[in-house]
Amino acid sequence: MADISSIGAPNGGSYRASASDRSGSNPADLARLESIRRERPADSVSLSDEARQAAQSDIRTDLTSQVRRELEDGTYVTEEKLDSAVANLIDEILRG
């Protein structure tokens, strides 16, 4: 195996990696990793009241259903929508 230079290696040296160095390659490593996993707290998420309220806001199901139908049918993209999108893009580019 190749030498691996590392910050914090003893005397500025390098470590020689081998297959037995891999984490989880022996029962002692597995036991140590399992111990760390048990001691580590579970991940969690806290949502603010504003985030909860935003998540429960009214979704325009009528509009989203219509758009989904049009996308499935292949009728969502029209000349008018493309013209509008191109005009908006040009306006945005010119405004800088």
PDB file of N, CA and C in Angstrom:
ATOM      1  N   MET A   1       0.838  -1.198   0.000  1.00  0.00           N
ATOM      2  CA  MET A   1       0.000   0.000   0.000  1.00  0.00           C
ATOM      3  C   MET A   1       0.867   1.241   0.000  1.00  0.00           C
ATOM      4  N   ALA A   2       0.297   2.313  -0.478  1.00  0.00           N
ATOM      5  CA  ALA A   2       1.019   3.586  -0.534  1.00  0.00           C
ATOM      6  C   ALA A   2       0.971   4.275   0.816  1.00  0.00           C
ATOM      7  N   ASP A   3       1.999   5.087   1.037  1.00  0.00           N
ATOM      8  CA  ASP A   3       2.001   5.903   2.252  1.00  0.00           C
ATOM      9  C   ASP A   3       0.992   7.020   2.099  1.00  0.00           C
ATOM     10  N   ILE A   4       0.340   7.377   3.190  1.00  0.00           N
ATOM     11  CA  ILE A   4      -0.643   8.447   3.191  1.00  0.00           C
ATOM     12  C   ILE A   4      -0.168   9.514   4.149  1.00  0.00           C
ATOM     13  N   SER A   5       0.178  10.674   3.617  1.00  0.00           N
ATOM     14  CA  SER A   5       0.590  11.779   4.475  1.00  0.00           C
ATOM     15  C   SER A   5      -0.636  12.305   5.186  1.00  0.00           C
ATOM     16  N   SER A   6      -0.449  12.728   6.427  1.00  0.00           N
ATOM     17  CA  SER A   6      -1.587  13.196   7.186  1.00  0.00           C
ATOM     18  C   SER A   6      -1.177  14.298   8.133  1.00  0.00           C
ATOM     19  N   ILE A   7      -2.046  15.272   8.262  1.00  0.00           N
ATOM     20  CA  ILE A   7      -1.850  16.283   9.290  1.00  0.00           C
ATOM     21  C   ILE A   7      -2.014  15.567  10.623  1.00  0.00           C
ATOM     22  N   GLY A   8      -1.093  15.796  11.504  1.00  0.00           N
ATOM     23  CA  GLY A   8      -1.192  15.170  12.812  1.00  0.00           C
ATOM     24  C   GLY A   8      -0.534  13.804  12.878  1.00  0.00           C
ATOM     25  N   ALA A   9       0.111  13.366  11.797  1.00  0.00           N
ATOM     26  CA  ALA A   9       0.833  12.101  11.848  1.00  0.00           C
ATOM     27  C   ALA A   9       2.009  12.286  12.796  1.00  0.00           C
ATOM     28  N   PRO A  10       2.362  11.261  13.532  1.00  0.00           N
ATOM     29  CA  PRO A  10       3.469  11.394  14.485  1.00  0.00           C
ATOM     30  C   PRO A  10       4.745  11.875  13.799  1.00  0.00           C
ATOM     31  N   ASN A  11       5.358  12.890  14.363  1.00  0.00           N
ATOM     32  CA  ASN A  11       6.604  13.453  13.857  1.00  0.00           C
ATOM     33  C   ASN A  11       6.506  13.876  12.394  1.00  0.00           C
ATOM     34  N   GLY A  12       5.329  14.307  11.955  1.00  0.00           N
ATOM     35  CA  GLY A  12       5.176  14.746  10.573  1.00  0.00           C
ATOM     36  C   GLY A  12       5.306  13.622   9.571  1.00  0.00           C
ATOM     37  N   GLY A  13       5.245  12.401  10.028  1.00  0.00           N
ATOM     38  CA  GLY A  13       5.426  11.244   9.156  1.00  0.00           C
ATOM     39  C   GLY A  13       4.181  10.936   8.359  1.00  0.00           C
ATOM     40  N   SER A  14       4.107   9.730   7.930  1.00  0.00           N
ATOM     41  CA  SER A  14       2.953   9.307   7.153  1.00  0.00           C
ATOM     42  C   SER A  14       2.472   7.971   7.679  1.00  0.00           C
ATOM     43  N   TYR A  15       1.282   7.624   7.330  1.00  0.00           N
ATOM     44  CA  TYR A  15       0.701   6.364   7.748  1.00  0.00           C
ATOM     45  C   TYR A  15       0.778   5.387   6.596  1.00  0.00           C
ATOM     46  N   ARG A  16       0.955   4.147   6.888  1.00  0.00           N
ATOM     47  CA  ARG A  16       0.947   3.113   5.864  1.00  0.00           C
ATOM     48  C   ARG A  16      -0.380   2.387   6.006  1.00  0.00           C
ATOM     49  N   ALA A  17      -1.234   2.537   4.990  1.00  0.00           N
ATOM     50  CA  ALA A  17      -2.567   1.940   5.034  1.00  0.00           C
ATOM     51  C   ALA A  17      -2.509   0.498   4.573  1.00  0.00           C
ATOM     52  N   SER A  18      -3.300  -0.324   5.228  1.00  0.00           N
ATOM     53  CA  SER A  18      -3.411  -1.717   4.808  1.00  0.00           C
ATOM     54  C   SER A  18      -4.857  -2.143   4.955  1.00  0.00           C
ATOM     55  N   ALA A  19      -5.190  -3.288   4.427  1.00  0.00           N
ATOM     56  CA  ALA A  19      -6.571  -3.766   4.471  1.00  0.00           C
ATOM     57  C   ALA A  19      -7.059  -3.900   5.910  1.00  0.00           C
ATOM     58  N   SER A  20      -6.168  -4.240   6.836  1.00  0.00           N
ATOM     59  CA  SER A  20      -6.594  -4.412   8.228  1.00  0.00           C
ATOM     60  C   SER A  20      -6.877  -3.095   8.914  1.00  0.00           C
ATOM     61  N   ASP A  21      -6.457  -1.967   8.308  1.00  0.00           N
ATOM     62  CA  ASP A  21      -6.699  -0.647   8.891  1.00  0.00           C
ATOM     63  C   ASP A  21      -8.108  -0.144   8.630  1.00  0.00           C
ATOM     64  N   ARG A  22      -8.795  -0.728   7.706  1.00  0.00           N
ATOM     65  CA  ARG A  22     -10.122  -0.239   7.337  1.00  0.00           C
ATOM     66  C   ARG A  22     -11.089  -0.400   8.501  1.00  0.00           C
ATOM     67  N   SER A  23     -11.853   0.658   8.736  1.00  0.00           N
ATOM     68  CA  SER A  23     -12.842   0.622   9.799  1.00  0.00           C
ATOM     69  C   SER A  23     -13.856  -0.477   9.526  1.00  0.00           C
ATOM     70  N   GLY A  24     -14.155  -1.258  10.534  1.00  0.00           N
ATOM     71  CA  GLY A  24     -15.157  -2.303  10.378  1.00  0.00           C
ATOM     72  C   GLY A  24     -14.578  -3.614   9.876  1.00  0.00           C
ATOM     73  N   SER A  25     -13.260  -3.696   9.753  1.00  0.00           N
ATOM     74  CA  SER A  25     -12.673  -4.923   9.228  1.00  0.00           C
ATOM     75  C   SER A  25     -12.427  -5.966  10.309  1.00  0.00           C
ATOM     76  N   ASN A  26     -12.593  -5.590  11.554  1.00  0.00           N
ATOM     77  CA  ASN A  26     -12.428  -6.593  12.614  1.00  0.00           C
ATOM     78  C   ASN A  26     -13.496  -6.383  13.685  1.00  0.00           C
ATOM     79  N   PRO A  27     -13.734  -7.388  14.506  1.00  0.00           N
ATOM     80  CA  PRO A  27     -14.808  -7.287  15.511  1.00  0.00           C
ATOM     81  C   PRO A  27     -14.652  -6.125  16.482  1.00  0.00           C
ATOM     82  N   ALA A  28     -13.424  -5.768  16.835  1.00  0.00           N
ATOM     83  CA  ALA A  28     -13.231  -4.651  17.774  1.00  0.00           C
ATOM     84  C   ALA A  28     -13.713  -3.342  17.138  1.00  0.00           C
ATOM     85  N   ASP A  29     -13.400  -3.155  15.850  1.00  0.00           N
ATOM     86  CA  ASP A  29     -13.872  -1.956  15.158  1.00  0.00           C
ATOM     87  C   ASP A  29     -15.391  -1.933  15.085  1.00  0.00           C
ATOM     88  N   LEU A  30     -15.977  -3.064  14.768  1.00  0.00           N
ATOM     89  CA  LEU A  30     -17.435  -3.142  14.676  1.00  0.00           C
ATOM     90  C   LEU A  30     -18.087  -2.819  16.010  1.00  0.00           C
ATOM     91  N   ALA A  31     -17.532  -3.330  17.089  1.00  0.00           N
ATOM     92  CA  ALA A  31     -18.081  -3.055  18.419  1.00  0.00           C
ATOM     93  C   ALA A  31     -17.963  -1.573  18.756  1.00  0.00           C
ATOM     94  N   ARG A  32     -16.805  -0.972  18.419  1.00  0.00           N
ATOM     95  CA  ARG A  32     -16.599   0.449  18.688  1.00  0.00           C
ATOM     96  C   ARG A  32     -17.582   1.295  17.878  1.00  0.00           C
ATOM     97  N   LEU A  33     -17.766   0.967  16.612  1.00  0.00           N
ATOM     98  CA  LEU A  33     -18.702   1.717  15.781  1.00  0.00           C
ATOM     99  C   LEU A  33     -20.136   1.571  16.274  1.00  0.00           C
ATOM    100  N   GLU A  34     -20.508   0.386  16.704  1.00  0.00           N
ATOM    101  CA  GLU A  34     -21.855   0.171  17.228  1.00  0.00           C
ATOM    102  C   GLU A  34     -22.054   0.979  18.506  1.00  0.00           C
ATOM    103  N   SER A  35     -21.038   1.065  19.340  1.00  0.00           N
ATOM    104  CA  SER A  35     -21.114   1.851  20.568  1.00  0.00           C
ATOM    105  C   SER A  35     -21.311   3.329  20.249  1.00  0.00           C
ATOM    106  N   ILE A  36     -20.574   3.834  19.271  1.00  0.00           N
ATOM    107  CA  ILE A  36     -20.712   5.234  18.863  1.00  0.00           C
ATOM    108  C   ILE A  36     -22.113   5.481  18.326  1.00  0.00           C
ATOM    109  N   ARG A  37     -22.618   4.548  17.513  1.00  0.00           N
ATOM    110  CA  ARG A  37     -23.951   4.711  16.933  1.00  0.00           C
ATOM    111  C   ARG A  37     -25.020   4.764  18.026  1.00  0.00           C
ATOM    112  N   ARG A  38     -24.890   3.946  19.047  1.00  0.00           N
ATOM    113  CA  ARG A  38     -25.888   3.934  20.125  1.00  0.00           C
ATOM    114  C   ARG A  38     -25.835   5.214  20.948  1.00  0.00           C
ATOM    115  N   GLU A  39     -24.645   5.766  21.162  1.00  0.00           N
ATOM    116  CA  GLU A  39     -24.493   6.963  21.982  1.00  0.00           C
ATOM    117  C   GLU A  39     -24.904   8.231  21.242  1.00  0.00           C
ATOM    118  N   ARG A  40     -24.862   8.195  19.936  1.00  0.00           N
ATOM    119  CA  ARG A  40     -25.161   9.379  19.132  1.00  0.00           C
ATOM    120  C   ARG A  40     -26.660   9.635  19.124  1.00  0.00           C
ATOM    121  N   PRO A  41     -27.067  10.863  19.399  1.00  0.00           N
ATOM    122  CA  PRO A  41     -28.503  11.153  19.389  1.00  0.00           C
ATOM    123  C   PRO A  41     -29.063  11.074  17.967  1.00  0.00           C
ATOM    124  N   ALA A  42     -30.315  10.735  17.876  1.00  0.00           N
ATOM    125  CA  ALA A  42     -30.977  10.649  16.577  1.00  0.00           C
ATOM    126  C   ALA A  42     -31.112  12.042  15.980  1.00  0.00           C
ATOM    127  N   ASP A  43     -31.070  12.115  14.660  1.00  0.00           N
ATOM    128  CA  ASP A  43     -31.293  13.392  13.980  1.00  0.00           C
ATOM    129  C   ASP A  43     -32.731  13.830  14.198  1.00  0.00           C
ATOM    130  N   SER A  44     -32.930  15.130  14.255  1.00  0.00           N
ATOM    131  CA  SER A  44     -34.283  15.642  14.412  1.00  0.00           C
ATOM    132  C   SER A  44     -34.394  16.982  13.704  1.00  0.00           C
ATOM    133  N   VAL A  45     -35.616  17.372  13.452  1.00  0.00           N
ATOM    134  CA  VAL A  45     -35.895  18.641  12.783  1.00  0.00           C
ATOM    135  C   VAL A  45     -36.923  19.392  13.605  1.00  0.00           C
ATOM    136  N   SER A  46     -36.696  20.682  13.774  1.00  0.00           N
ATOM    137  CA  SER A  46     -37.666  21.534  14.451  1.00  0.00           C
ATOM    138  C   SER A  46     -38.185  22.548  13.449  1.00  0.00           C
ATOM    139  N   LEU A  47     -39.488  22.636  13.334  1.00  0.00           N
ATOM    140  CA  LEU A  47     -40.099  23.594  12.423  1.00  0.00           C
ATOM    141  C   LEU A  47     -40.691  24.750  13.211  1.00  0.00           C
ATOM    142  N   SER A  48     -40.495  25.945  12.695  1.00  0.00           N
ATOM    143  CA  SER A  48     -41.088  27.113  13.332  1.00  0.00           C
ATOM    144  C   SER A  48     -42.589  27.102  13.069  1.00  0.00           C
ATOM    145  N   ASP A  49     -43.303  27.910  13.835  1.00  0.00           N
ATOM    146  CA  ASP A  49     -44.747  28.036  13.613  1.00  0.00           C
ATOM    147  C   ASP A  49     -45.033  28.539  12.201  1.00  0.00           C
ATOM    148  N   GLU A  50     -44.182  29.468  11.716  1.00  0.00           N
ATOM    149  CA  GLU A  50     -44.370  29.998  10.361  1.00  0.00           C
ATOM    150  C   GLU A  50     -44.191  28.907   9.307  1.00  0.00           C
ATOM    151  N   ALA A  51     -43.224  28.023   9.523  1.00  0.00           N
ATOM    152  CA  ALA A  51     -43.007  26.934   8.565  1.00  0.00           C
ATOM    153  C   ALA A  51     -44.185  25.969   8.575  1.00  0.00           C
ATOM    154  N   ARG A  52     -44.687  25.674   9.765  1.00  0.00           N
ATOM    155  CA  ARG A  52     -45.862  24.787   9.863  1.00  0.00           C
ATOM    156  C   ARG A  52     -47.068  25.413   9.156  1.00  0.00           C
ATOM    157  N   GLN A  53     -47.238  26.705   9.368  1.00  0.00           N
ATOM    158  CA  GLN A  53     -48.363  27.404   8.755  1.00  0.00           C
ATOM    159  C   GLN A  53     -48.216  27.424   7.229  1.00  0.00           C
ATOM    160  N   ALA A  54     -47.003  27.647   6.745  1.00  0.00           N
ATOM    161  CA  ALA A  54     -46.772  27.660   5.298  1.00  0.00           C
ATOM    162  C   ALA A  54     -47.033  26.287   4.698  1.00  0.00           C
ATOM    163  N   ALA A  55     -46.691  25.246   5.428  1.00  0.00           N
ATOM    164  CA  ALA A  55     -46.908  23.888   4.939  1.00  0.00           C
ATOM    165  C   ALA A  55     -48.397  23.562   4.858  1.00  0.00           C
ATOM    166  N   GLN A  56     -49.195  24.223   5.662  1.00  0.00           N
ATOM    167  CA  GLN A  56     -50.631  23.959   5.677  1.00  0.00           C
ATOM    168  C   GLN A  56     -51.415  24.973   4.848  1.00  0.00           C
ATOM    169  N   SER A  57     -50.682  25.873   4.173  1.00  0.00           N
ATOM    170  CA  SER A  57     -51.386  26.896   3.406  1.00  0.00           C
ATOM    171  C   SER A  57     -52.185  26.259   2.279  1.00  0.00           C
ATOM    172  N   ASP A  58     -53.147  27.016   1.816  1.00  0.00           N
ATOM    173  CA  ASP A  58     -54.010  26.514   0.752  1.00  0.00           C
ATOM    174  C   ASP A  58     -53.219  26.335  -0.528  1.00  0.00           C
ATOM    175  N   ILE A  59     -53.236  25.133  -1.025  1.00  0.00           N
ATOM    176  CA  ILE A  59     -52.633  24.843  -2.318  1.00  0.00           C
ATOM    177  C   ILE A  59     -53.769  24.855  -3.315  1.00  0.00           C
ATOM    178  N   ARG A  60     -53.552  25.511  -4.403  1.00  0.00           N
ATOM    179  CA  ARG A  60     -54.606  25.586  -5.417  1.00  0.00           C
ATOM    180  C   ARG A  60     -54.669  24.254  -6.144  1.00  0.00           C
ATOM    181  N   THR A  61     -55.378  23.317  -5.522  1.00  0.00           N
ATOM    182  CA  THR A  61     -55.454  21.977  -6.091  1.00  0.00           C
ATOM    183  C   THR A  61     -56.115  21.982  -7.459  1.00  0.00           C
ATOM    184  N   ASP A  62     -57.037  22.923  -7.669  1.00  0.00           N
ATOM    185  CA  ASP A  62     -57.670  22.995  -8.987  1.00  0.00           C
ATOM    186  C   ASP A  62     -56.641  23.351 -10.057  1.00  0.00           C
ATOM    187  N   LEU A  63     -55.756  24.310  -9.751  1.00  0.00           N
ATOM    188  CA  LEU A  63     -54.751  24.730 -10.713  1.00  0.00           C
ATOM    189  C   LEU A  63     -53.688  23.651 -10.895  1.00  0.00           C
ATOM    190  N   THR A  64     -53.222  23.069  -9.795  1.00  0.00           N
ATOM    191  CA  THR A  64     -52.196  22.032  -9.927  1.00  0.00           C
ATOM    192  C   THR A  64     -52.732  20.819 -10.669  1.00  0.00           C
ATOM    193  N   SER A  65     -53.979  20.471 -10.456  1.00  0.00           N
ATOM    194  CA  SER A  65     -54.576  19.350 -11.191  1.00  0.00           C
ATOM    195  C   SER A  65     -54.655  19.661 -12.677  1.00  0.00           C
ATOM    196  N   GLN A  66     -55.037  20.891 -13.002  1.00  0.00           N
ATOM    197  CA  GLN A  66     -55.127  21.298 -14.406  1.00  0.00           C
ATOM    198  C   GLN A  66     -53.752  21.236 -15.080  1.00  0.00           C
ATOM    199  N   VAL A  67     -52.729  21.751 -14.403  1.00  0.00           N
ATOM    200  CA  VAL A  67     -51.378  21.746 -14.972  1.00  0.00           C
ATOM    201  C   VAL A  67     -50.893  20.311 -15.150  1.00  0.00           C
ATOM    202  N   ARG A  68     -51.139  19.459 -14.173  1.00  0.00           N
ATOM    203  CA  ARG A  68     -50.740  18.053 -14.304  1.00  0.00           C
ATOM    204  C   ARG A  68     -51.414  17.397 -15.503  1.00  0.00           C
ATOM    205  N   ARG A  69     -52.698  17.647 -15.655  1.00  0.00           N
ATOM    206  CA  ARG A  69     -53.439  17.082 -16.804  1.00  0.00           C
ATOM    207  C   ARG A  69     -52.833  17.561 -18.118  1.00  0.00           C
ATOM    208  N   GLU A  70     -52.582  18.873 -18.202  1.00  0.00           N
ATOM    209  CA  GLU A  70     -52.023  19.443 -19.426  1.00  0.00           C
ATOM    210  C   GLU A  70     -50.626  18.896 -19.715  1.00  0.00           C
ATOM    211  N   LEU A  71     -49.813  18.700 -18.677  1.00  0.00           N
ATOM    212  CA  LEU A  71     -48.492  18.127 -18.876  1.00  0.00           C
ATOM    213  C   LEU A  71     -48.593  16.692 -19.389  1.00  0.00           C
ATOM    214  N   GLU A  72     -49.504  15.915 -18.796  1.00  0.00           N
ATOM    215  CA  GLU A  72     -49.691  14.530 -19.232  1.00  0.00           C
ATOM    216  C   GLU A  72     -50.221  14.462 -20.661  1.00  0.00           C
ATOM    217  N   ASP A  73     -51.121  15.379 -21.009  1.00  0.00           N
ATOM    218  CA  ASP A  73     -51.730  15.383 -22.340  1.00  0.00           C
ATOM    219  C   ASP A  73     -50.818  15.998 -23.400  1.00  0.00           C
ATOM    220  N   GLY A  74     -49.776  16.697 -22.968  1.00  0.00           N
ATOM    221  CA  GLY A  74     -48.894  17.372 -23.902  1.00  0.00           C
ATOM    222  C   GLY A  74     -49.448  18.693 -24.399  1.00  0.00           C
ATOM    223  N   THR A  75     -50.409  19.257 -23.669  1.00  0.00           N
ATOM    224  CA  THR A  75     -51.031  20.509 -24.097  1.00  0.00           C
ATOM    225  C   THR A  75     -50.619  21.706 -23.236  1.00  0.00           C
ATOM    226  N   TYR A  76     -49.694  21.502 -22.311  1.00  0.00           N
ATOM    227  CA  TYR A  76     -49.312  22.585 -21.396  1.00  0.00           C
ATOM    228  C   TYR A  76     -48.531  23.687 -22.123  1.00  0.00           C
ATOM    229  N   VAL A  77     -47.598  23.281 -22.979  1.00  0.00           N
ATOM    230  CA  VAL A  77     -46.775  24.251 -23.687  1.00  0.00           C
ATOM    231  C   VAL A  77     -47.540  24.734 -24.916  1.00  0.00           C
ATOM    232  N   THR A  78     -47.777  26.050 -24.956  1.00  0.00           N
ATOM    233  CA  THR A  78     -48.472  26.659 -26.099  1.00  0.00           C
ATOM    234  C   THR A  78     -47.608  27.765 -26.672  1.00  0.00           C
ATOM    235  N   GLU A  79     -47.936  28.206 -27.873  1.00  0.00           N
ATOM    236  CA  GLU A  79     -47.219  29.322 -28.494  1.00  0.00           C
ATOM    237  C   GLU A  79     -47.299  30.572 -27.625  1.00  0.00           C
ATOM    238  N   GLU A  80     -48.471  30.816 -27.049  1.00  0.00           N
ATOM    239  CA  GLU A  80     -48.643  32.002 -26.206  1.00  0.00           C
ATOM    240  C   GLU A  80     -47.728  31.952 -24.985  1.00  0.00           C
ATOM    241  N   LYS A  81     -47.643  30.783 -24.340  1.00  0.00           N
ATOM    242  CA  LYS A  81     -46.777  30.647 -23.162  1.00  0.00           C
ATOM    243  C   LYS A  81     -45.311  30.795 -23.550  1.00  0.00           C
ATOM    244  N   LEU A  82     -44.926  30.214 -24.689  1.00  0.00           N
ATOM    245  CA  LEU A  82     -43.538  30.348 -25.142  1.00  0.00           C
ATOM    246  C   LEU A  82     -43.208  31.796 -25.467  1.00  0.00           C
ATOM    247  N   ASP A  83     -44.107  32.485 -26.171  1.00  0.00           N
ATOM    248  CA  ASP A  83     -43.887  33.891 -26.496  1.00  0.00           C
ATOM    249  C   ASP A  83     -43.732  34.724 -25.229  1.00  0.00           C
ATOM    250  N   SER A  84     -44.580  34.457 -24.262  1.00  0.00           N
ATOM    251  CA  SER A  84     -44.515  35.190 -22.998  1.00  0.00           C
ATOM    252  C   SER A  84     -43.202  34.906 -22.271  1.00  0.00           C
ATOM    253  N   ALA A  85     -42.783  33.650 -22.240  1.00  0.00           N
ATOM    254  CA  ALA A  85     -41.544  33.280 -21.558  1.00  0.00           C
ATOM    255  C   ALA A  85     -40.340  33.929 -22.233  1.00  0.00           C
ATOM    256  N   VAL A  86     -40.320  33.920 -23.561  1.00  0.00           N
ATOM    257  CA  VAL A  86     -39.217  34.533 -24.297  1.00  0.00           C
ATOM    258  C   VAL A  86     -39.197  36.043 -24.058  1.00  0.00           C
ATOM    259  N   ALA A  87     -40.346  36.681 -24.095  1.00  0.00           N
ATOM    260  CA  ALA A  87     -40.419  38.126 -23.849  1.00  0.00           C
ATOM    261  C   ALA A  87     -39.916  38.457 -22.446  1.00  0.00           C
ATOM    262  N   ASN A  88     -40.313  37.669 -21.462  1.00  0.00           N
ATOM    263  CA  ASN A  88     -39.851  37.898 -20.083  1.00  0.00           C
ATOM    264  C   ASN A  88     -38.344  37.687 -19.972  1.00  0.00           C
ATOM    265  N   LEU A  89     -37.819  36.691 -20.651  1.00  0.00           N
ATOM    266  CA  LEU A  89     -36.387  36.426 -20.622  1.00  0.00           C
ATOM    267  C   LEU A  89     -35.610  37.584 -21.248  1.00  0.00           C
ATOM    268  N   ILE A  90     -36.094  38.060 -22.392  1.00  0.00           N
ATOM    269  CA  ILE A  90     -35.430  39.198 -23.046  1.00  0.00           C
ATOM    270  C   ILE A  90     -35.473  40.434 -22.155  1.00  0.00           C
ATOM    271  N   ASP A  91     -36.606  40.699 -21.541  1.00  0.00           N
ATOM    272  CA  ASP A  91     -36.726  41.839 -20.619  1.00  0.00           C
ATOM    273  C   ASP A  91     -35.722  41.701 -19.463  1.00  0.00           C
ATOM    274  N   GLU A  92     -35.616  40.509 -18.923  1.00  0.00           N
ATOM    275  CA  GLU A  92     -34.698  40.275 -17.807  1.00  0.00           C
ATOM    276  C   GLU A  92     -33.255  40.495 -18.236  1.00  0.00           C
ATOM    277  N   ILE A  93     -32.904  40.017 -19.414  1.00  0.00           N
ATOM    278  CA  ILE A  93     -31.534  40.189 -19.916  1.00  0.00           C
ATOM    279  C   ILE A  93     -31.236  41.668 -20.151  1.00  0.00           C
ATOM    280  N   LEU A  94     -32.166  42.389 -20.735  1.00  0.00           N
ATOM    281  CA  LEU A  94     -31.933  43.803 -21.030  1.00  0.00           C
ATOM    282  C   LEU A  94     -31.855  44.661 -19.774  1.00  0.00           C
ATOM    283  N   ARG A  95     -32.580  44.267 -18.731  1.00  0.00           N
ATOM    284  CA  ARG A  95     -32.516  45.001 -17.461  1.00  0.00           C
ATOM    285  C   ARG A  95     -31.210  44.750 -16.734  1.00  0.00           C
ATOM    286  N   GLY A  96     -30.566  43.652 -17.074  1.00  0.00           N
ATOM    287  CA  GLY A  96     -29.242  43.366 -16.523  1.00  0.00           C
ATOM    288  C   GLY A  96     -29.288  42.755 -15.212  1.00  0.00           C
TER     289      GLY A  96
END
